[in-house]
Amino acid sequence: MALSKAEVAMACVEPDPSTKDFIFQQTMFRIKDPKLSLDFYTRVLGMRLLKQMDFPAMSFSIYFMGFEKADDIPSDDVEKSKWLFSRRGCLELTHNWGTESDPEFKGYHNGNTDPRGFGHIGISVPDVDAACERFEKLGAKFIKKPNDGKMKGLAFVQDPDGYWIEILSPNNMITY
């Protein structure tokens, strides 16, 4: 059963003033094949690679993705790092080297099968139907199309690793 408005009000407190400059900066997904994931997030979803960081001693790379203008990304690497970690809502794709060519590697758990946990990230678009038509033409795998199910006007697509991405429009969400 849902919490009552009173229960929610009692559970939530006003943020402490010392947290006024905190931001939600990133969510991290582990990925099997960076070529497939970078293609999906740039070509299909329209994100931009903001910064790549390689860690040879630990055999992994991270790719920070976001919806930023190319002209806003500093060219100096130190400034780019400072800028990157001040952005809101980035996606960190972490690739542990070798998973892309390991036939024994089964992939990562997306949280939407038992045991359930993590569910999805959400991308806001101006027009869900138009975005989904484009995604379909580009071969995106759908979990739910905009007019399927009880919740109309939103969709779910999967990335190459099976993570769910909700496609929504602020204009459609006012009824929920």
C-alpha atoms as a PDB file:
ATOM      1  CA  MET A   1       0.000   0.000   0.000  1.00  0.00           C
ATOM      2  CA  ALA A   2       1.200   3.516  -0.747  1.00  0.00           C
ATOM      3  CA  LEU A   3       2.262   5.812   2.052  1.00  0.00           C
ATOM      4  CA  SER A   4      -0.213   8.530   2.949  1.00  0.00           C
ATOM      5  CA  LYS A   5       0.745  12.152   2.309  1.00  0.00           C
ATOM      6  CA  ALA A   6       1.105  12.547   6.096  1.00  0.00           C
ATOM      7  CA  GLU A   7       3.450   9.540   6.314  1.00  0.00           C
ATOM      8  CA  VAL A   8       5.551  10.912   3.480  1.00  0.00           C
ATOM      9  CA  ALA A   9       5.672  14.344   5.121  1.00  0.00           C
ATOM     10  CA  MET A  10       6.823  12.781   8.390  1.00  0.00           C
ATOM     11  CA  ALA A  11       9.491  10.639   6.687  1.00  0.00           C
ATOM     12  CA  CYS A  12      10.981  13.510   4.674  1.00  0.00           C
ATOM     13  CA  VAL A  13      12.929  16.297   6.278  1.00  0.00           C
ATOM     14  CA  GLU A  14      14.011  19.634   4.859  1.00  0.00           C
ATOM     15  CA  PRO A  15      17.558  19.275   3.480  1.00  0.00           C
ATOM     16  CA  ASP A  16      20.302  20.459   5.792  1.00  0.00           C
ATOM     17  CA  PRO A  17      21.773  23.780   4.575  1.00  0.00           C
ATOM     18  CA  SER A  18      25.207  22.147   4.461  1.00  0.00           C
ATOM     19  CA  THR A  19      23.952  20.018   1.504  1.00  0.00           C
ATOM     20  CA  LYS A  20      22.779  22.984  -0.619  1.00  0.00           C
ATOM     21  CA  ASP A  21      25.549  22.498  -3.191  1.00  0.00           C
ATOM     22  CA  PHE A  22      25.201  18.703  -3.489  1.00  0.00           C
ATOM     23  CA  ILE A  23      24.067  17.402  -6.898  1.00  0.00           C
ATOM     24  CA  PHE A  24      23.097  14.010  -8.285  1.00  0.00           C
ATOM     25  CA  GLN A  25      26.065  13.625 -10.605  1.00  0.00           C
ATOM     26  CA  GLN A  26      26.063  10.107 -12.026  1.00  0.00           C
ATOM     27  CA  THR A  27      24.695   6.602 -12.241  1.00  0.00           C
ATOM     28  CA  MET A  28      27.066   3.798 -13.228  1.00  0.00           C
ATOM     29  CA  PHE A  29      26.312   0.825 -15.462  1.00  0.00           C
ATOM     30  CA  ARG A  30      28.790  -1.990 -15.994  1.00  0.00           C
ATOM     31  CA  ILE A  31      28.972  -2.815 -19.694  1.00  0.00           C
ATOM     32  CA  LYS A  32      30.230  -5.827 -21.598  1.00  0.00           C
ATOM     33  CA  ASP A  33      31.235  -4.244 -24.919  1.00  0.00           C
ATOM     34  CA  PRO A  34      32.021  -0.511 -25.084  1.00  0.00           C
ATOM     35  CA  LYS A  35      31.719  -0.398 -28.873  1.00  0.00           C
ATOM     36  CA  LEU A  36      28.083  -1.542 -28.679  1.00  0.00           C
ATOM     37  CA  SER A  37      27.240   0.638 -25.670  1.00  0.00           C
ATOM     38  CA  LEU A  38      28.889   3.816 -26.979  1.00  0.00           C
ATOM     39  CA  ASP A  39      27.078   3.371 -30.294  1.00  0.00           C
ATOM     40  CA  PHE A  40      23.727   2.916 -28.534  1.00  0.00           C
ATOM     41  CA  TYR A  41      24.056   5.867 -26.177  1.00  0.00           C
ATOM     42  CA  THR A  42      25.371   8.259 -28.833  1.00  0.00           C
ATOM     43  CA  ARG A  43      23.613   7.188 -32.051  1.00  0.00           C
ATOM     44  CA  VAL A  44      20.303   5.966 -30.612  1.00  0.00           C
ATOM     45  CA  LEU A  45      19.770   8.057 -27.471  1.00  0.00           C
ATOM     46  CA  GLY A  46      21.674  11.140 -28.629  1.00  0.00           C
ATOM     47  CA  MET A  47      24.045  11.405 -25.690  1.00  0.00           C
ATOM     48  CA  ARG A  48      27.575  12.655 -26.068  1.00  0.00           C
ATOM     49  CA  LEU A  49      30.797  11.142 -24.729  1.00  0.00           C
ATOM     50  CA  LEU A  50      31.930  13.710 -22.164  1.00  0.00           C
ATOM     51  CA  LYS A  51      35.148  12.024 -21.049  1.00  0.00           C
ATOM     52  CA  GLN A  52      36.920   8.669 -21.222  1.00  0.00           C
ATOM     53  CA  MET A  53      39.183   7.536 -18.410  1.00  0.00           C
ATOM     54  CA  ASP A  54      41.378   4.432 -18.716  1.00  0.00           C
ATOM     55  CA  PHE A  55      42.908   2.573 -15.782  1.00  0.00           C
ATOM     56  CA  PRO A  56      45.441   0.097 -17.249  1.00  0.00           C
ATOM     57  CA  ALA A  57      46.758  -1.043 -13.856  1.00  0.00           C
ATOM     58  CA  MET A  58      43.230  -2.172 -12.927  1.00  0.00           C
ATOM     59  CA  SER A  59      42.158  -3.233 -16.456  1.00  0.00           C
ATOM     60  CA  PHE A  60      39.067  -1.060 -16.839  1.00  0.00           C
ATOM     61  CA  SER A  61      37.817   2.073 -18.580  1.00  0.00           C
ATOM     62  CA  ILE A  62      34.989   4.450 -17.796  1.00  0.00           C
ATOM     63  CA  TYR A  63      33.027   6.494 -20.295  1.00  0.00           C
ATOM     64  CA  PHE A  64      30.977   9.432 -19.034  1.00  0.00           C
ATOM     65  CA  MET A  65      27.906  10.171 -21.133  1.00  0.00           C
ATOM     66  CA  GLY A  66      25.496  13.078 -21.004  1.00  0.00           C
ATOM     67  CA  PHE A  67      23.316  15.531 -22.873  1.00  0.00           C
ATOM     68  CA  GLU A  68      25.777  18.407 -23.200  1.00  0.00           C
ATOM     69  CA  LYS A  69      26.756  20.649 -26.110  1.00  0.00           C
ATOM     70  CA  ALA A  70      30.117  19.819 -27.690  1.00  0.00           C
ATOM     71  CA  ASP A  71      31.170  23.470 -27.457  1.00  0.00           C
ATOM     72  CA  ASP A  72      30.670  23.408 -23.664  1.00  0.00           C
ATOM     73  CA  ILE A  73      33.195  20.600 -23.105  1.00  0.00           C
ATOM     74  CA  PRO A  74      36.615  22.001 -22.143  1.00  0.00           C
ATOM     75  CA  SER A  75      39.534  20.826 -24.261  1.00  0.00           C
ATOM     76  CA  ASP A  76      42.044  20.940 -21.399  1.00  0.00           C
ATOM     77  CA  ASP A  77      41.934  17.564 -19.632  1.00  0.00           C
ATOM     78  CA  VAL A  78      42.144  18.968 -16.090  1.00  0.00           C
ATOM     79  CA  GLU A  79      39.408  21.512 -16.795  1.00  0.00           C
ATOM     80  CA  LYS A  80      37.345  18.816 -18.515  1.00  0.00           C
ATOM     81  CA  SER A  81      37.467  16.672 -15.370  1.00  0.00           C
ATOM     82  CA  LYS A  82      36.403  19.577 -13.141  1.00  0.00           C
ATOM     83  CA  TRP A  83      33.624  20.444 -15.582  1.00  0.00           C
ATOM     84  CA  LEU A  84      32.489  16.819 -15.942  1.00  0.00           C
ATOM     85  CA  PHE A  85      32.104  16.220 -12.233  1.00  0.00           C
ATOM     86  CA  SER A  86      29.992  19.370 -11.908  1.00  0.00           C
ATOM     87  CA  ARG A  87      27.395  18.148 -14.465  1.00  0.00           C
ATOM     88  CA  ARG A  88      24.023  16.821 -13.345  1.00  0.00           C
ATOM     89  CA  GLY A  89      22.666  13.441 -14.396  1.00  0.00           C
ATOM     90  CA  CYS A  90      25.621  11.833 -16.165  1.00  0.00           C
ATOM     91  CA  LEU A  91      25.824   8.162 -17.003  1.00  0.00           C
ATOM     92  CA  GLU A  92      29.086   6.365 -16.252  1.00  0.00           C
ATOM     93  CA  LEU A  93      29.655   3.284 -18.380  1.00  0.00           C
ATOM     94  CA  THR A  94      32.286   1.030 -16.812  1.00  0.00           C
ATOM     95  CA  HIS A  95      34.016  -1.567 -18.959  1.00  0.00           C
ATOM     96  CA  ASN A  96      36.099  -4.276 -17.304  1.00  0.00           C
ATOM     97  CA  TRP A  97      38.539  -5.213 -20.039  1.00  0.00           C
ATOM     98  CA  GLY A  98      38.091  -8.609 -21.619  1.00  0.00           C
ATOM     99  CA  THR A  99      34.365  -9.075 -20.993  1.00  0.00           C
ATOM    100  CA  GLU A 100      33.588  -8.248 -24.631  1.00  0.00           C
ATOM    101  CA  SER A 101      35.531 -11.294 -25.866  1.00  0.00           C
ATOM    102  CA  ASP A 102      34.977 -13.742 -23.001  1.00  0.00           C
ATOM    103  CA  PRO A 103      32.593 -16.520 -24.148  1.00  0.00           C
ATOM    104  CA  GLU A 104      32.028 -17.499 -20.503  1.00  0.00           C
ATOM    105  CA  PHE A 105      30.918 -14.013 -19.472  1.00  0.00           C
ATOM    106  CA  LYS A 106      27.126 -14.015 -19.142  1.00  0.00           C
ATOM    107  CA  GLY A 107      26.641 -10.280 -18.678  1.00  0.00           C
ATOM    108  CA  TYR A 108      25.451  -8.145 -15.800  1.00  0.00           C
ATOM    109  CA  HIS A 109      22.203  -8.267 -13.828  1.00  0.00           C
ATOM    110  CA  ASN A 110      19.898  -5.401 -14.808  1.00  0.00           C
ATOM    111  CA  GLY A 111      17.795  -5.541 -11.631  1.00  0.00           C
ATOM    112  CA  ASN A 112      14.526  -6.354 -13.409  1.00  0.00           C
ATOM    113  CA  THR A 113      14.554 -10.098 -12.799  1.00  0.00           C
ATOM    114  CA  ASP A 114      14.808 -11.912  -9.476  1.00  0.00           C
ATOM    115  CA  PRO A 115      16.330 -10.857  -7.250  1.00  0.00           C
ATOM    116  CA  ARG A 116      14.860  -7.502  -8.195  1.00  0.00           C
ATOM    117  CA  GLY A 117      16.628  -4.332  -7.231  1.00  0.00           C
ATOM    118  CA  PHE A 118      17.700  -1.546  -9.570  1.00  0.00           C
ATOM    119  CA  GLY A 119      14.994  -0.780 -12.132  1.00  0.00           C
ATOM    120  CA  HIS A 120      15.830   1.802 -14.791  1.00  0.00           C
ATOM    121  CA  ILE A 121      17.069   5.247 -15.697  1.00  0.00           C
ATOM    122  CA  GLY A 122      14.793   7.788 -17.383  1.00  0.00           C
ATOM    123  CA  ILE A 123      15.319  10.033 -20.392  1.00  0.00           C
ATOM    124  CA  SER A 124      12.985  12.976 -20.934  1.00  0.00           C
ATOM    125  CA  VAL A 125      12.112  13.751 -24.556  1.00  0.00           C
ATOM    126  CA  PRO A 126       9.788  16.357 -26.092  1.00  0.00           C
ATOM    127  CA  ASP A 127       7.648  13.752 -27.921  1.00  0.00           C
ATOM    128  CA  VAL A 128       7.649  10.119 -26.779  1.00  0.00           C
ATOM    129  CA  ASP A 129       5.965   8.785 -29.933  1.00  0.00           C
ATOM    130  CA  ALA A 130       8.410  10.547 -32.276  1.00  0.00           C
ATOM    131  CA  ALA A 131      11.411   9.467 -30.198  1.00  0.00           C
ATOM    132  CA  CYS A 132      10.191   5.849 -30.168  1.00  0.00           C
ATOM    133  CA  GLU A 133       9.607   5.855 -33.935  1.00  0.00           C
ATOM    134  CA  ARG A 134      13.232   6.952 -34.324  1.00  0.00           C
ATOM    135  CA  PHE A 135      14.459   4.334 -31.823  1.00  0.00           C
ATOM    136  CA  GLU A 136      12.536   1.622 -33.664  1.00  0.00           C
ATOM    137  CA  LYS A 137      14.096   2.616 -37.010  1.00  0.00           C
ATOM    138  CA  LEU A 138      17.517   2.421 -35.344  1.00  0.00           C
ATOM    139  CA  GLY A 139      16.836  -1.102 -34.072  1.00  0.00           C
ATOM    140  CA  ALA A 140      16.307  -0.389 -30.370  1.00  0.00           C
ATOM    141  CA  LYS A 141      14.824  -3.236 -28.356  1.00  0.00           C
ATOM    142  CA  PHE A 142      11.572  -2.268 -26.645  1.00  0.00           C
ATOM    143  CA  ILE A 143      10.348  -3.576 -23.299  1.00  0.00           C
ATOM    144  CA  LYS A 144       7.220  -1.407 -23.602  1.00  0.00           C
ATOM    145  CA  LYS A 145       6.030   0.843 -26.422  1.00  0.00           C
ATOM    146  CA  PRO A 146       4.205   4.115 -25.664  1.00  0.00           C
ATOM    147  CA  ASN A 147       0.665   2.798 -26.047  1.00  0.00           C
ATOM    148  CA  ASP A 148       1.187  -0.654 -24.524  1.00  0.00           C
ATOM    149  CA  GLY A 149      -0.005  -1.549 -21.050  1.00  0.00           C
ATOM    150  CA  LYS A 150      -1.880   0.592 -18.529  1.00  0.00           C
ATOM    151  CA  MET A 151       0.585   3.478 -18.402  1.00  0.00           C
ATOM    152  CA  LYS A 152       0.201   5.231 -21.744  1.00  0.00           C
ATOM    153  CA  GLY A 153       2.572   7.802 -23.145  1.00  0.00           C
ATOM    154  CA  LEU A 154       5.834   6.329 -21.890  1.00  0.00           C
ATOM    155  CA  ALA A 155       8.116   3.597 -23.143  1.00  0.00           C
ATOM    156  CA  PHE A 156      11.008   1.411 -22.068  1.00  0.00           C
ATOM    157  CA  VAL A 157      13.930   0.428 -24.295  1.00  0.00           C
ATOM    158  CA  GLN A 158      16.912  -1.766 -23.461  1.00  0.00           C
ATOM    159  CA  ASP A 159      20.547  -0.941 -23.990  1.00  0.00           C
ATOM    160  CA  PRO A 160      22.999  -3.593 -25.288  1.00  0.00           C
ATOM    161  CA  ASP A 161      23.540  -4.911 -21.733  1.00  0.00           C
ATOM    162  CA  GLY A 162      19.833  -5.221 -20.987  1.00  0.00           C
ATOM    163  CA  TYR A 163      19.499  -2.139 -18.765  1.00  0.00           C
ATOM    164  CA  TRP A 164      16.067  -0.523 -19.010  1.00  0.00           C
ATOM    165  CA  ILE A 165      15.673   3.102 -20.078  1.00  0.00           C
ATOM    166  CA  GLU A 166      12.343   4.822 -19.566  1.00  0.00           C
ATOM    167  CA  ILE A 167      11.410   7.272 -22.304  1.00  0.00           C
ATOM    168  CA  LEU A 168       9.076   9.951 -20.990  1.00  0.00           C
ATOM    169  CA  SER A 169       7.871  13.471 -21.651  1.00  0.00           C
ATOM    170  CA  PRO A 170       7.127  15.978 -18.898  1.00  0.00           C
ATOM    171  CA  ASN A 171       3.929  16.834 -20.798  1.00  0.00           C
ATOM    172  CA  ASN A 172       2.609  13.274 -20.427  1.00  0.00           C
ATOM    173  CA  MET A 173       3.504  12.829 -16.766  1.00  0.00           C
ATOM    174  CA  ILE A 174       1.075  15.393 -15.305  1.00  0.00           C
ATOM    175  CA  THR A 175      -1.686  12.778 -15.041  1.00  0.00           C
ATOM    176  CA  TYR A 176       0.310  10.409 -12.800  1.00  0.00           C
END
